[in-house]
């Protein structure tokens, strides 16, 4: 596991900024990461979002491209 990434400051953005980023970015330019549970994801999710439930995140970090911005919800 890469512990350093957990010590790196992150930027929080509000809903309007998120909406704009999702609307203007190409699908391969950002990662939309849904950390909710599978049943929540099935009920509703942002199109194109990748589901990695929070309890699994530390084991699945390799699935996230570190070169791209990541929106986590």
Foldseek 3Di string as FASTA:
>chain_A
DPCVVVVDDDDDDDPVVVVVCVVPDDLVQEAEEEQDDPVVVVVDDDPSHDYDHPVRCVVPVVVDDPVHHYHYD
